[in-house]
Amino acid sequence: MKWSAKIIRYTKIEIDKIHRTKRAKVSPNVLSKEEVKTILEAHNNIKHKMMLSLIYSCGLRCGELLTLKPIHIDSKRNIVVLKNAKGQKDRIVHLNPKILEMRA
């Protein structure tokens, strides 16, 4: 054990010659229009339909949807203000007017 520690301690390591391993790029799984329509029509509960529509049309993350409150939706300007989104930052996303029609 002591012998290997001495070798490692006194060995000069050239860091610039060490290469990082490349991560494989993963392509996103994109749903077709028919698949999205099937998912949205599969639910009878208006609350569930609205949640799925918000996730899909606004690009919300699950955590953002769970913390979303009605006061965060600005129907006059068609935006959703997401408080403390990823990275504890606020972000604003466009709201599809059809979702507002579902709410009425």
Protein backbone atom coordinates (compact mmCIF):
# COMPACT_ATOMS: atom_id res chain seq x y z
CA MET A 1 0.00 0.00 0.00
CA LYS A 2 2.75 2.46 0.94
CA TRP A 3 4.70 1.55 -2.18
CA SER A 4 1.80 2.36 -4.52
CA ALA A 5 1.13 5.63 -2.71
CA LYS A 6 4.74 6.73 -3.27
CA ILE A 7 4.55 5.89 -6.98
CA ILE A 8 1.34 7.85 -7.40
CA ARG A 9 2.63 10.79 -5.37
CA TYR A 10 5.79 11.22 -7.44
CA THR A 11 4.32 10.42 -10.84
CA LYS A 12 3.85 13.48 -13.01
CA ILE A 13 0.38 13.49 -14.54
CA GLU A 14 -0.13 15.52 -17.68
CA ILE A 15 -3.70 16.69 -17.26
CA ASP A 16 -3.93 18.26 -20.71
CA LYS A 17 -3.52 14.80 -22.26
CA ILE A 18 -6.46 13.35 -20.35
CA HIS A 19 -9.57 13.46 -22.53
CA ARG A 20 -13.11 13.58 -21.28
CA THR A 21 -15.43 10.85 -22.42
CA LYS A 22 -18.14 12.12 -24.73
CA ARG A 23 -21.75 11.67 -23.76
CA ALA A 24 -24.01 10.04 -26.27
CA LYS A 25 -26.57 12.46 -27.67
CA VAL A 26 -30.05 11.15 -27.04
CA SER A 27 -32.75 12.14 -29.49
CA PRO A 28 -36.03 13.25 -27.91
CA ASN A 29 -39.06 11.02 -28.28
CA VAL A 30 -41.48 13.21 -30.25
CA LEU A 31 -45.15 12.28 -30.27
CA SER A 32 -47.22 12.49 -33.43
CA LYS A 33 -50.32 14.70 -33.59
CA GLU A 34 -52.54 11.62 -33.43
CA GLU A 35 -50.77 10.35 -30.30
CA VAL A 36 -51.15 13.71 -28.57
CA LYS A 37 -54.82 13.89 -29.54
CA THR A 38 -55.38 10.35 -28.22
CA ILE A 39 -53.75 11.21 -24.89
CA LEU A 40 -55.79 14.40 -24.46
CA GLU A 41 -59.08 12.74 -25.41
CA ALA A 42 -58.48 9.73 -23.15
CA HIS A 43 -59.40 11.72 -20.03
CA ASN A 44 -62.93 12.78 -19.12
CA ASN A 45 -61.89 14.87 -16.14
CA ILE A 46 -61.54 18.51 -17.24
CA LYS A 47 -58.83 19.13 -14.62
CA HIS A 48 -56.67 16.30 -16.01
CA LYS A 49 -57.24 17.45 -19.60
CA MET A 50 -56.21 20.96 -18.66
CA MET A 51 -53.07 19.74 -16.88
CA LEU A 52 -52.00 17.62 -19.85
CA SER A 53 -52.76 20.47 -22.26
CA LEU A 54 -50.64 22.87 -20.21
CA ILE A 55 -47.72 20.45 -20.08
CA TYR A 56 -47.85 19.85 -23.82
CA SER A 57 -48.63 23.30 -25.21
CA CYS A 58 -46.55 25.38 -22.77
CA GLY A 59 -43.68 22.94 -22.37
CA LEU A 60 -44.07 22.79 -18.61
CA ARG A 61 -42.05 20.46 -16.43
CA CYS A 62 -43.96 18.29 -13.97
CA GLY A 63 -42.68 20.25 -10.97
CA GLU A 64 -43.72 23.52 -12.59
CA LEU A 65 -47.23 22.20 -13.16
CA LEU A 66 -47.54 21.04 -9.55
CA THR A 67 -46.60 24.47 -8.17
CA LEU A 68 -48.80 26.37 -10.65
CA LYS A 69 -51.66 28.39 -9.17
CA PRO A 70 -54.53 30.18 -10.93
CA ILE A 71 -53.02 33.58 -10.09
CA HIS A 72 -49.98 32.69 -12.23
CA ILE A 73 -52.14 32.58 -15.39
CA ASP A 74 -52.57 35.96 -17.09
CA SER A 75 -55.49 35.45 -19.48
CA LYS A 76 -55.37 39.02 -20.81
CA ARG A 77 -51.81 38.69 -22.09
CA ASN A 78 -51.99 34.90 -22.73
CA ILE A 79 -48.98 34.08 -20.56
CA VAL A 80 -48.17 31.84 -17.62
CA VAL A 81 -45.70 33.12 -15.04
CA LEU A 82 -43.80 30.22 -13.51
CA LYS A 83 -42.34 31.08 -10.11
CA ASN A 84 -39.17 29.30 -8.95
CA ALA A 85 -38.86 27.10 -12.02
CA LYS A 86 -35.74 25.04 -12.68
CA GLY A 87 -32.72 26.69 -11.10
CA GLN A 88 -34.96 28.77 -8.79
CA LYS A 89 -35.59 31.20 -11.65
CA ASP A 90 -38.89 32.64 -12.79
CA ARG A 91 -39.90 32.14 -16.40
CA ILE A 92 -42.76 33.23 -18.61
CA VAL A 93 -44.34 30.97 -21.22
CA HIS A 94 -46.95 31.65 -23.89
CA LEU A 95 -50.44 30.32 -23.18
CA ASN A 96 -52.50 28.86 -26.00
CA PRO A 97 -55.93 30.63 -26.14
CA LYS A 98 -57.64 27.23 -26.61
CA ILE A 99 -56.65 26.31 -23.06
CA LEU A 100 -58.44 29.39 -21.76
CA GLU A 101 -61.55 28.25 -23.64
CA MET A 102 -61.33 24.90 -21.84
CA ARG A 103 -61.29 26.74 -18.52
CA ALA A 104 -64.50 28.65 -19.21
